[in-house]
Amino acid sequence: MLLTGRRLRSGRRLAFGAAVVLPAVALPAVLLPGALPAAGSAAARPDLAKLVTLQDVKAHLAAFQEIADYNGGDRAAGSPGYDVSVKYVVGRLRKAGLTPKVRKFTFPYWRERSDAVFARTSPSRKSFKREKDFVTLAYSGSGDVTASATAVDVPAKGEGTSGCEKGDFKGFAKGSIALVQRGSCTFQVKAARARAAGASAVVIFNKPGEKGPVNGTVSKPSAVPVVGPTHELGVALVKAARRKGGLKLRVKTDTAHGKKSSSNVIADTGRGDAGNVVLAGAHLDSVPAGPGINDNGTGAAVLLAIAGKIKELRKDGLRNRVRFAWWGAEEEGLRGSAHYVASLPAAERRKIALNINLDMLGSPNGTRGVYDGDHSAGGGTRAPAGSGAIEKMFRDYFKGRRLPTSEQEFNGRSDYGPFVEKGIPSGGMATGAEGVKTAAEAKAFGGRAGKAYDPCYHARCDRVKNVNLKLLDTNADGVAHVLQHLARTTVAVNGGARVALPLGPSYEPVWQGPHRVR
């Protein structure tokens, strides 16, 4: 049986399959790597995990790297590097006998044109350090404001609801800078409430127990500057604002926002039940800072390698339609996947049996993360019914190979979000981003405790040499195995046919892509 370790930081829990797994001969055939439930001889059936090779995946990674190198150093949505990446994926899909469709969409973009300034101007002067003491929230407006700061319903202890209610701003002096604490509602709500009360800028500092500045988004373009300091700095500013004589701050942001266009690439298998679609997706875009080879060239490359071999499953192995999707503008807040889900007619959305999401499959100091479909780790959002079965398929495969896994929570950081929101069972893999590897994870997976899973996350150095090829290889095998199983039967996920189920509790993610929303 599968034994699990203690709950870890960052919503992760280890599954120590390598230490306690039963001998392979004792496992039911359905759980063995390469084995699938079926009538007749399984031995004669192709094994997609063996057909998809590391060399296939590496060839795609090398292509994505070359595309970035010759197109400004990145593959960000709306850039030449992304457009050429789309052409590459389309070309490879056509060579594999598939008929890809490029679905264009527009999305709001936001950028800082120059470094923000955050400083105390009275009762004494002090400048705070960008990234160490504060950051600008995504979709902040531009401005250069020097004004008195007012603490807005900041609790003496705990998280509280600072800035979440209209009444919090009773007596707020127009033109002041609002000091609010992160907690309860979204940053968008806090910023909008402050603006409605006449705030000239908004300072949303981190909540107790959370380290560093607030890496957040107000989701839509704001009319005023919005910055996010650390909890320690925020508390000090609140104390100063409440003293006799008060506090004056300077907040300067220089931002640009508008509309850009991007696209998704969608390709279906020719065979399989079109009323029961297995959708596997990965975002194709990088951040503007670098080529994005681990994030998320690895997921895009694994998906492309599987699409290139899917026809080998033949008619009996493709009883369900498999849909491959490469999403655009994930790094801008899941824009491509959200557009896709929102634009589907309800009847077409009901045909999607499940969603498999692949994001960062080769982090250099990573873990073998499987999305927590049964919510056993207790973190993040509870995924729709059927998601636990997808998780178990991945875990059973890796257990059969004596490979440990860890749990990745559903928290809104990747493109599963819009599917989970609509009640579609979801699962997949991720190996870690800027989070720090624990001692227990280092013992199970190797690597260095106390260091980031990917030190090149969202950086220029996220190149092919940044990828853990050994980890990527085993993960590609697991994804191929699970997709082969689901292409033949989804009975464990949805009883074999997609049906409309009542939605669970409202979906309230903590993240929207790379930024926190609350």
Protein backbone atom coordinates (compact mmCIF):
# COMPACT_ATOMS: atom_id res chain seq x y z
CA MET A 1 0.00 0.00 0.00
CA LEU A 2 1.04 3.60 -0.52
CA LEU A 3 2.54 5.18 2.58
CA THR A 4 2.71 8.93 2.89
CA GLY A 5 5.06 11.15 4.82
CA ARG A 6 4.34 14.24 6.85
CA ARG A 7 2.81 17.31 5.31
CA LEU A 8 5.51 19.57 3.91
CA ARG A 9 5.80 23.29 3.32
CA SER A 10 4.35 24.73 0.11
CA GLY A 11 1.39 22.34 0.29
CA ARG A 12 3.51 19.32 -0.57
CA ARG A 13 3.48 15.87 0.93
CA LEU A 14 5.81 13.07 -0.02
CA ALA A 15 4.74 9.63 -1.13
CA PHE A 16 7.62 7.36 -0.30
CA GLY A 17 6.86 4.72 -2.92
CA ALA A 18 10.52 3.94 -3.41
CA ALA A 19 10.99 2.87 0.19
CA VAL A 20 7.88 0.81 0.75
CA VAL A 21 6.56 -0.30 -2.62
CA LEU A 22 5.52 -3.95 -2.97
CA PRO A 23 7.50 -6.20 -5.28
CA ALA A 24 6.31 -5.80 -8.84
CA VAL A 25 5.05 -9.37 -9.03
CA ALA A 26 2.64 -8.65 -6.16
CA LEU A 27 0.97 -5.72 -7.88
CA PRO A 28 -2.21 -6.15 -9.91
CA ALA A 29 -1.45 -6.04 -13.61
CA VAL A 30 -3.37 -2.80 -14.07
CA LEU A 31 -0.84 -1.00 -11.83
CA LEU A 32 2.30 -2.16 -13.59
CA PRO A 33 4.10 0.30 -15.88
CA GLY A 34 2.90 -0.28 -19.42
CA ALA A 35 -0.10 -2.39 -18.41
CA LEU A 36 -3.64 -1.29 -19.18
CA PRO A 37 -6.99 -2.88 -18.30
CA ALA A 38 -8.44 -4.60 -21.34
CA ALA A 39 -9.90 -7.73 -22.75
CA GLY A 40 -7.47 -9.83 -24.70
CA SER A 41 -3.71 -9.70 -24.70
CA ALA A 42 -2.17 -6.53 -23.25
CA ALA A 43 1.25 -7.66 -24.47
CA ALA A 44 0.30 -6.98 -28.09
CA ARG A 45 -0.77 -3.44 -27.31
CA PRO A 46 1.68 -0.57 -27.98
CA ASP A 47 3.26 1.07 -24.91
CA LEU A 48 3.18 4.83 -25.37
CA ALA A 49 5.64 5.37 -22.50
CA LYS A 50 8.24 3.37 -24.43
CA LEU A 51 7.40 4.93 -27.78
CA VAL A 52 7.96 8.47 -26.47
CA THR A 53 11.71 8.86 -25.91
CA LEU A 54 13.84 11.43 -24.17
CA GLN A 55 15.47 12.15 -27.52
CA ASP A 56 12.08 13.16 -28.91
CA VAL A 57 11.57 15.58 -26.03
CA LYS A 58 15.13 16.99 -26.18
CA ALA A 59 14.74 17.76 -29.88
CA HIS A 60 11.73 19.96 -29.11
CA LEU A 61 13.54 21.66 -26.22
CA ALA A 62 16.46 22.47 -28.50
CA ALA A 63 14.05 23.96 -31.04
CA PHE A 64 12.39 26.17 -28.41
CA GLN A 65 15.83 27.33 -27.25
CA GLU A 66 16.91 28.20 -30.79
CA ILE A 67 13.66 30.04 -31.43
CA ALA A 68 14.21 32.19 -28.35
CA ASP A 69 17.88 32.83 -29.11
CA TYR A 70 17.08 34.22 -32.55
CA ASN A 71 13.96 36.14 -31.53
CA GLY A 72 14.91 38.51 -28.75
CA GLY A 73 15.80 35.93 -26.10
CA ASP A 74 12.27 34.90 -25.08
CA ARG A 75 9.03 33.26 -26.20
CA ALA A 76 6.62 35.51 -24.32
CA ALA A 77 3.01 35.86 -25.46
CA GLY A 78 2.66 38.57 -28.09
CA SER A 79 6.34 38.34 -29.07
CA PRO A 80 8.00 37.04 -32.25
CA GLY A 81 9.46 34.17 -30.22
CA TYR A 82 6.00 33.00 -29.25
CA ASP A 83 4.64 33.30 -32.77
CA VAL A 84 7.50 31.20 -34.14
CA SER A 85 6.96 28.65 -31.35
CA VAL A 86 3.35 28.33 -32.50
CA LYS A 87 4.51 27.73 -36.07
CA TYR A 88 6.92 25.06 -34.87
CA VAL A 89 4.24 23.20 -32.90
CA VAL A 90 1.80 23.41 -35.81
CA GLY A 91 4.40 22.04 -38.20
CA ARG A 92 5.29 19.09 -35.98
CA LEU A 93 1.63 18.24 -35.45
CA ARG A 94 0.98 18.22 -39.19
CA LYS A 95 3.93 15.90 -39.73
CA ALA A 96 2.38 13.59 -37.13
CA GLY A 97 -0.83 13.43 -39.17
CA LEU A 98 -2.89 15.70 -36.92
CA THR A 99 -4.87 18.76 -37.99
CA PRO A 100 -3.99 21.61 -35.61
CA LYS A 101 -6.09 24.73 -35.26
CA VAL A 102 -4.67 28.08 -34.13
CA ARG A 103 -7.18 29.96 -31.98
CA LYS A 104 -6.34 33.64 -31.57
CA PHE A 105 -7.42 35.80 -28.64
CA THR A 106 -6.58 39.13 -27.06
CA PHE A 107 -5.45 39.64 -23.49
CA PRO A 108 -4.62 42.56 -21.20
CA TYR A 109 -0.90 43.01 -20.68
CA TRP A 110 1.02 44.97 -18.07
CA ARG A 111 4.66 45.91 -17.70
CA GLU A 112 6.85 48.12 -15.49
CA ARG A 113 8.72 50.60 -17.67
CA SER A 114 11.12 51.60 -14.91
CA ASP A 115 11.84 50.66 -11.30
CA ALA A 116 9.29 51.71 -8.72
CA VAL A 117 10.13 53.97 -5.77
CA PHE A 118 8.73 53.51 -2.26
CA ALA A 119 9.95 55.77 0.53
CA ARG A 120 9.11 57.40 3.82
CA THR A 121 9.34 61.18 3.59
CA SER A 122 8.16 62.19 7.11
CA PRO A 123 8.79 62.21 10.06
CA SER A 124 12.17 61.08 8.72
CA ARG A 125 13.39 60.05 5.29
CA LYS A 126 14.10 56.48 4.25
CA SER A 127 14.01 54.71 0.88
CA PHE A 128 12.93 51.08 0.75
CA LYS A 129 14.55 48.48 -1.47
CA ARG A 130 12.64 47.12 -4.44
CA GLU A 131 12.20 43.32 -4.38
CA LYS A 132 13.64 43.05 -0.87
CA ASP A 133 11.21 45.40 0.92
CA PHE A 134 8.44 45.77 -1.67
CA VAL A 135 7.31 44.99 -5.22
CA THR A 136 4.79 46.56 -7.57
CA LEU A 137 1.58 44.57 -7.90
CA ALA A 138 0.73 43.44 -11.43
CA TYR A 139 -1.71 45.79 -13.18
CA SER A 140 -0.79 48.67 -10.87
CA GLY A 141 -1.39 52.07 -12.35
CA SER A 142 1.26 54.74 -12.87
CA GLY A 143 1.86 57.78 -10.70
CA ASP A 144 4.21 59.68 -8.44
CA VAL A 145 2.42 60.36 -5.16
CA THR A 146 3.65 61.91 -1.92
CA ALA A 147 0.91 62.06 0.70
CA SER A 148 -0.13 61.17 4.24
CA ALA A 149 -0.67 57.48 4.86
CA THR A 150 -3.75 56.12 6.65
CA ALA A 151 -4.02 52.63 8.15
CA VAL A 152 -7.30 51.02 7.07
CA ASP A 153 -8.88 48.59 9.57
CA VAL A 154 -5.55 46.82 10.21
CA PRO A 155 -6.07 44.24 13.00
CA ALA A 156 -3.88 44.14 16.09
CA LYS A 157 -3.16 40.49 15.27
CA GLY A 158 -4.15 37.88 12.75
CA GLU A 159 -5.16 38.19 9.12
CA GLY A 160 -8.33 40.28 9.38
CA THR A 161 -10.31 41.85 6.54
CA SER A 162 -8.44 45.12 6.14
CA GLY A 163 -9.79 47.05 3.14
CA CYS A 164 -12.35 44.42 2.15
CA GLU A 165 -15.49 46.35 3.19
CA LYS A 166 -16.74 49.78 2.15
CA GLY A 167 -17.14 50.67 5.81
CA ASP A 168 -13.42 50.13 6.42
CA PHE A 169 -12.80 53.47 4.72
CA LYS A 170 -15.20 55.53 6.82
CA GLY A 171 -13.50 58.86 7.55
CA PHE A 172 -10.69 58.20 5.05
CA ALA A 173 -9.25 61.49 3.80
CA LYS A 174 -9.29 61.77 0.02
CA GLY A 175 -5.85 61.99 -1.50
CA SER A 176 -4.27 59.90 1.26
CA ILE A 177 -2.30 56.72 0.69
CA ALA A 178 -4.19 53.66 1.97
CA LEU A 179 -2.26 51.20 4.16
CA VAL A 180 -4.03 47.81 4.13
CA GLN A 181 -3.00 44.31 5.14
CA ARG A 182 -3.24 41.28 2.89
CA GLY A 183 -6.02 38.94 3.98
CA SER A 184 -9.50 37.56 3.26
CA CYS A 185 -10.55 39.26 0.01
CA THR A 186 -8.62 39.74 -3.23
CA PHE A 187 -6.10 42.47 -3.92
CA GLN A 188 -8.43 43.65 -6.67
CA VAL A 189 -11.19 44.28 -4.12
CA LYS A 190 -8.84 46.07 -1.70
CA ALA A 191 -7.45 48.35 -4.42
CA ALA A 192 -10.92 49.11 -5.80
CA ARG A 193 -12.30 49.94 -2.34
CA ALA A 194 -9.37 52.25 -1.66
CA ARG A 195 -9.70 53.98 -5.01
CA ALA A 196 -13.45 54.47 -4.48
CA ALA A 197 -12.66 56.12 -1.13
CA GLY A 198 -10.32 58.57 -2.86
CA ALA A 199 -6.92 56.97 -2.21
CA SER A 200 -4.08 58.36 -4.32
CA ALA A 201 -2.07 55.10 -3.93
CA VAL A 202 -2.53 51.74 -2.21
CA VAL A 203 0.00 49.89 -0.07
CA ILE A 204 -0.99 46.25 0.55
CA PHE A 205 1.50 44.69 2.96
CA ASN A 206 1.90 40.98 3.61
CA LYS A 207 -0.03 39.13 6.30
CA PRO A 208 1.46 37.61 9.48
CA GLY A 209 3.52 34.49 8.96
CA GLU A 210 4.26 35.20 5.28
CA LYS A 211 7.79 36.12 4.26
CA GLY A 212 8.84 38.68 1.70
CA PRO A 213 6.88 41.27 -0.28
CA VAL A 214 3.43 40.63 -1.77
CA ASN A 215 3.88 39.05 -5.22
CA GLY A 216 0.33 39.86 -6.25
CA THR A 217 -1.96 41.11 -8.97
CA VAL A 218 -4.96 43.42 -8.90
CA SER A 219 -6.10 41.44 -11.98
CA LYS A 220 -7.31 44.48 -13.95
CA PRO A 221 -5.55 47.78 -14.73
CA SER A 222 -5.68 50.12 -11.73
CA ALA A 223 -5.95 53.89 -11.91
CA VAL A 224 -3.51 54.40 -9.02
CA PRO A 225 -0.13 52.95 -7.95
CA VAL A 226 -0.34 49.72 -5.92
CA VAL A 227 2.70 48.26 -4.13
CA GLY A 228 3.16 45.31 -1.76
CA PRO A 229 5.68 45.55 1.09
CA THR A 230 6.71 42.86 3.57
CA HIS A 231 4.66 42.27 6.70
CA GLU A 232 7.44 43.65 8.91
CA LEU A 233 7.66 46.89 6.95
CA GLY A 234 3.89 47.22 6.79
CA VAL A 235 3.49 46.85 10.55
CA ALA A 236 6.14 49.52 11.13
CA LEU A 237 4.37 51.89 8.72
CA VAL A 238 1.01 51.33 10.42
CA LYS A 239 2.51 52.16 13.81
CA ALA A 240 4.08 55.33 12.42
CA ALA A 241 0.82 56.36 10.71
CA ARG A 242 -1.07 56.04 14.01
CA ARG A 243 1.37 58.18 15.98
CA LYS A 244 0.87 61.87 16.58
CA GLY A 245 2.13 63.75 13.57
CA GLY A 246 1.41 60.84 11.28
CA LEU A 247 3.36 59.43 8.35
CA LYS A 248 4.03 60.59 4.82
CA LEU A 249 5.05 58.23 2.03
CA ARG A 250 6.15 58.51 -1.55
CA VAL A 251 4.92 55.89 -4.04
CA LYS A 252 6.14 56.13 -7.62
CA THR A 253 5.30 53.57 -10.31
CA ASP A 254 5.86 53.75 -14.05
CA THR A 255 3.76 51.13 -15.81
CA ALA A 256 2.24 50.38 -19.20
CA HIS A 257 -0.83 48.33 -19.98
CA GLY A 258 -3.05 47.66 -22.96
CA LYS A 259 -4.15 44.80 -25.21
CA LYS A 260 -2.08 42.22 -27.03
CA SER A 261 -2.95 39.21 -29.16
CA SER A 262 -1.82 35.64 -28.71
CA SER A 263 -3.06 32.19 -29.66
CA ASN A 264 -3.71 28.65 -28.50
CA VAL A 265 -2.89 25.61 -30.60
CA ILE A 266 -5.49 22.81 -30.46
CA ALA A 267 -5.27 19.38 -32.12
CA ASP A 268 -7.61 16.38 -31.79
CA THR A 269 -6.98 12.77 -32.64
CA GLY A 270 -9.03 11.62 -35.60
CA ARG A 271 -10.27 8.61 -33.66
CA GLY A 272 -12.13 8.31 -30.38
CA ASP A 273 -15.48 9.28 -28.93
CA ALA A 274 -15.92 13.00 -29.60
CA GLY A 275 -18.42 13.14 -26.75
CA ASN A 276 -15.82 12.05 -24.17
CA VAL A 277 -12.69 14.15 -24.68
CA VAL A 278 -9.43 13.68 -22.79
CA LEU A 279 -7.78 17.10 -22.91
CA ALA A 280 -4.05 17.40 -22.21
CA GLY A 281 -2.52 20.87 -22.12
CA ALA A 282 0.68 22.80 -21.42
CA HIS A 283 1.44 26.49 -21.74
CA LEU A 284 3.73 27.39 -24.61
CA ASP A 285 4.76 30.90 -23.58
CA SER A 286 7.71 32.04 -21.50
CA VAL A 287 8.13 35.19 -19.44
CA PRO A 288 9.85 38.14 -21.17
CA ALA A 289 12.95 37.63 -19.01
CA GLY A 290 14.13 34.44 -20.73
CA PRO A 291 13.53 31.51 -23.09
CA GLY A 292 11.43 29.49 -20.62
CA ILE A 293 12.82 26.04 -21.35
CA ASN A 294 11.87 24.40 -18.07
CA ASP A 295 8.93 26.81 -17.67
CA ASN A 296 7.33 25.57 -19.76
CA GLY A 297 9.25 24.22 -22.71
CA THR A 298 9.39 20.90 -20.86
CA GLY A 299 5.62 20.52 -20.58
CA ALA A 300 5.08 21.71 -24.15
CA ALA A 301 7.79 19.37 -25.47
CA VAL A 302 6.49 16.29 -23.64
CA LEU A 303 3.00 16.98 -24.96
CA LEU A 304 4.34 17.41 -28.49
CA ALA A 305 6.35 14.18 -28.29
CA ILE A 306 3.25 12.27 -27.15
CA ALA A 307 1.13 13.83 -29.90
CA GLY A 308 3.73 12.61 -32.39
CA LYS A 309 3.24 8.99 -31.33
CA ILE A 310 -0.44 8.90 -30.35
CA LYS A 311 -1.53 7.36 -33.65
CA GLU A 312 0.38 4.19 -32.72
CA LEU A 313 -2.40 3.35 -30.23
CA ARG A 314 -4.70 2.55 -33.17
CA LYS A 315 -8.47 2.18 -32.99
CA ASP A 316 -8.69 -0.04 -29.91
CA GLY A 317 -6.37 2.24 -27.92
CA LEU A 318 -8.16 5.44 -28.92
CA ARG A 319 -11.70 4.82 -27.76
CA ASN A 320 -11.87 8.39 -26.42
CA ARG A 321 -10.96 11.52 -28.35
CA VAL A 322 -7.65 12.99 -27.16
CA ARG A 323 -7.26 16.75 -27.48
CA PHE A 324 -3.84 18.35 -27.23
CA ALA A 325 -3.63 22.03 -26.29
CA TRP A 326 -0.74 24.47 -26.11
CA TRP A 327 -1.91 27.53 -24.21
CA GLY A 328 -0.82 31.11 -24.82
CA ALA A 329 -0.35 33.88 -22.23
CA GLU A 330 -0.31 31.65 -19.17
CA GLU A 331 2.35 33.90 -17.72
CA GLU A 332 -0.05 36.83 -18.08
CA GLY A 333 -2.60 35.16 -15.78
CA LEU A 334 -3.85 31.94 -17.48
CA ARG A 335 -5.29 34.02 -20.32
CA GLY A 336 -5.22 31.38 -23.08
CA SER A 337 -6.80 28.53 -21.15
CA ALA A 338 -9.36 30.88 -19.59
CA HIS A 339 -10.32 32.19 -23.04
CA TYR A 340 -10.66 28.64 -24.36
CA VAL A 341 -12.93 27.47 -21.54
CA ALA A 342 -15.03 30.64 -21.58
CA SER A 343 -15.50 30.58 -25.35
CA LEU A 344 -16.69 26.96 -25.52
CA PRO A 345 -20.45 26.52 -25.80
CA ALA A 346 -21.84 24.72 -22.76
CA ALA A 347 -22.61 21.63 -24.85
CA GLU A 348 -18.98 21.40 -26.03
CA ARG A 349 -17.61 22.02 -22.54
CA ARG A 350 -19.68 19.11 -21.24
CA LYS A 351 -17.88 16.81 -23.68
CA ILE A 352 -14.54 17.36 -21.90
CA ALA A 353 -14.09 14.33 -19.63
CA LEU A 354 -11.01 15.68 -17.86
CA ASN A 355 -7.99 17.93 -18.10
CA ILE A 356 -4.33 16.95 -17.72
CA ASN A 357 -1.99 19.89 -17.09
CA LEU A 358 1.80 19.80 -17.53
CA ASP A 359 3.86 22.68 -16.16
CA MET A 360 7.61 22.58 -15.47
CA LEU A 361 8.51 18.88 -15.72
CA GLY A 362 12.29 19.13 -15.32
CA SER A 363 13.19 21.50 -12.48
CA PRO A 364 16.91 21.08 -11.71
CA ASN A 365 16.32 20.69 -7.96
CA GLY A 366 12.76 19.47 -8.33
CA THR A 367 10.46 16.76 -7.06
CA ARG A 368 8.13 14.44 -8.96
CA GLY A 369 5.00 16.43 -8.20
CA VAL A 370 1.52 15.03 -8.88
CA TYR A 371 -1.54 17.27 -8.48
CA ASP A 372 -3.46 16.46 -5.31
CA GLY A 373 -6.73 15.33 -6.85
CA ASP A 374 -8.10 13.70 -3.69
CA HIS A 375 -7.17 16.70 -1.50
CA SER A 376 -5.41 14.40 0.94
CA ALA A 377 -2.73 17.01 1.66
CA GLY A 378 -5.43 19.51 2.58
CA GLY A 379 -3.88 22.51 0.81
CA GLY A 380 -5.26 24.69 -1.95
CA THR A 381 -8.61 24.06 -3.60
CA ARG A 382 -10.52 20.77 -3.57
CA ALA A 383 -10.60 19.59 -7.17
CA PRO A 384 -13.78 18.22 -8.83
CA ALA A 385 -14.85 14.60 -8.36
CA GLY A 386 -12.78 12.26 -10.52
CA SER A 387 -9.56 14.22 -9.97
CA GLY A 388 -8.49 11.77 -7.27
CA ALA A 389 -8.62 8.92 -9.78
CA ILE A 390 -6.27 10.82 -12.11
CA GLU A 391 -3.86 11.37 -9.23
CA LYS A 392 -3.94 7.67 -8.39
CA MET A 393 -3.12 6.71 -11.99
CA PHE A 394 0.07 8.75 -11.84
CA ARG A 395 0.99 7.48 -8.37
CA ASP A 396 0.38 3.84 -9.26
CA TYR A 397 2.61 4.15 -12.32
CA PHE A 398 5.52 5.68 -10.42
CA LYS A 399 5.02 3.28 -7.51
CA GLY A 400 5.40 0.41 -9.96
CA ARG A 401 8.75 1.88 -10.97
CA ARG A 402 9.79 2.47 -7.34
CA LEU A 403 9.93 6.23 -7.89
CA PRO A 404 8.79 8.64 -5.12
CA THR A 405 6.24 11.38 -5.73
CA SER A 406 5.14 14.53 -3.93
CA GLU A 407 1.79 16.31 -3.84
CA GLN A 408 1.14 19.55 -5.72
CA GLU A 409 -1.86 21.52 -4.54
CA PHE A 410 -4.47 23.03 -6.83
CA ASN A 411 -4.02 26.72 -6.02
CA GLY A 412 -4.54 28.48 -9.35
CA ARG A 413 -0.91 28.75 -10.43
CA SER A 414 -1.36 26.98 -13.76
CA ASP A 415 -3.80 26.29 -16.58
CA TYR A 416 -5.89 23.70 -14.75
CA GLY A 417 -7.58 26.67 -13.03
CA PRO A 418 -10.30 27.47 -15.60
CA PHE A 419 -11.19 23.77 -15.88
CA VAL A 420 -11.42 23.23 -12.13
CA GLU A 421 -13.61 26.32 -11.90
CA LYS A 422 -16.08 24.71 -14.31
CA GLY A 423 -16.16 21.40 -12.45
CA ILE A 424 -13.99 19.45 -14.90
CA PRO A 425 -11.84 16.72 -13.25
CA SER A 426 -8.18 17.67 -13.47
CA GLY A 427 -4.72 16.32 -12.79
CA GLY A 428 -1.17 16.39 -14.03
CA MET A 429 2.41 17.06 -12.99
CA ALA A 430 4.78 19.85 -11.91
CA THR A 431 8.27 19.70 -10.41
CA GLY A 432 8.55 23.02 -8.57
CA ALA A 433 9.34 26.68 -9.19
CA GLU A 434 10.70 29.27 -6.74
CA GLY A 435 9.74 27.29 -3.62
CA VAL A 436 12.46 25.82 -1.39
CA LYS A 437 13.22 22.09 -1.21
CA THR A 438 12.84 20.58 2.25
CA ALA A 439 15.22 18.12 3.90
CA ALA A 440 12.63 15.34 3.52
CA GLU A 441 12.31 16.08 -0.20
CA ALA A 442 16.10 16.11 -0.66
CA LYS A 443 16.30 12.71 1.03
CA ALA A 444 13.61 11.28 -1.26
CA PHE A 445 14.55 12.93 -4.57
CA GLY A 446 18.15 14.00 -4.15
CA GLY A 447 19.22 17.58 -4.73
CA ARG A 448 19.88 20.30 -2.17
CA ALA A 449 17.66 21.13 0.77
CA GLY A 450 17.17 24.82 1.44
CA LYS A 451 17.55 25.72 -2.25
CA ALA A 452 14.92 26.62 -4.84
CA TYR A 453 13.41 23.85 -6.95
CA ASP A 454 14.36 25.93 -9.98
CA PRO A 455 16.91 28.71 -9.34
CA CYS A 456 16.38 29.91 -12.93
CA TYR A 457 12.61 30.28 -12.57
CA HIS A 458 11.46 33.24 -14.68
CA ALA A 459 15.06 34.16 -15.43
CA ARG A 460 17.38 34.45 -18.41
CA CYS A 461 19.22 31.29 -17.37
CA ASP A 462 16.16 29.04 -17.93
CA ARG A 463 17.82 27.29 -20.86
CA VAL A 464 18.21 23.66 -21.92
CA LYS A 465 21.14 23.20 -19.54
CA ASN A 466 18.82 24.21 -16.68
CA VAL A 467 16.64 21.10 -17.18
CA ASN A 468 16.96 17.94 -15.06
CA LEU A 469 16.80 15.45 -17.94
CA LYS A 470 16.59 12.38 -15.72
CA LEU A 471 13.56 13.73 -13.89
CA LEU A 472 12.04 14.93 -17.16
CA ASP A 473 12.48 11.48 -18.74
CA THR A 474 10.62 9.61 -15.99
CA ASN A 475 7.89 12.25 -15.90
CA ALA A 476 7.38 11.98 -19.66
CA ASP A 477 6.94 8.23 -19.22
CA GLY A 478 4.32 8.76 -16.51
CA VAL A 479 2.36 11.27 -18.57
CA ALA A 480 2.41 9.02 -21.64
CA HIS A 481 1.26 6.03 -19.57
CA VAL A 482 -1.65 7.88 -17.97
CA LEU A 483 -2.78 9.41 -21.28
CA GLN A 484 -2.72 5.99 -22.91
CA HIS A 485 -4.89 4.63 -20.12
CA LEU A 486 -7.37 7.52 -20.40
CA ALA A 487 -7.46 7.36 -24.20
CA ARG A 488 -8.87 3.86 -23.80
CA THR A 489 -11.10 4.37 -20.75
CA THR A 490 -12.16 7.17 -18.43
CA VAL A 491 -14.45 4.93 -16.38
CA ALA A 492 -12.53 5.60 -13.14
CA VAL A 493 -12.83 9.36 -13.65
CA ASN A 494 -16.35 9.86 -14.97
CA GLY A 495 -17.92 6.43 -15.31
CA GLY A 496 -17.00 6.32 -18.97
CA ALA A 497 -19.10 9.28 -20.12
CA ARG A 498 -18.97 12.98 -19.40
CA VAL A 499 -21.99 14.08 -17.37
CA ALA A 500 -22.85 17.43 -15.88
CA LEU A 501 -22.20 17.30 -12.15
CA PRO A 502 -23.23 19.94 -9.62
CA LEU A 503 -20.38 22.30 -8.87
CA GLY A 504 -18.79 22.10 -5.44
CA PRO A 505 -17.88 25.09 -3.30
CA SER A 506 -17.07 28.21 -5.30
CA TYR A 507 -13.58 28.19 -6.77
CA GLU A 508 -11.41 30.71 -4.90
CA PRO A 509 -7.80 30.28 -6.01
CA VAL A 510 -4.92 31.95 -4.20
CA TRP A 511 -2.99 32.44 -7.45
CA GLN A 512 -3.72 33.54 -11.00
CA GLY A 513 -0.77 32.14 -12.90
CA PRO A 514 2.49 33.61 -11.52
CA HIS A 515 0.85 36.11 -9.17
CA ARG A 516 -1.22 35.84 -5.99
CA VAL A 517 -4.74 37.23 -6.19
CA ARG A 518 -5.46 37.31 -2.43
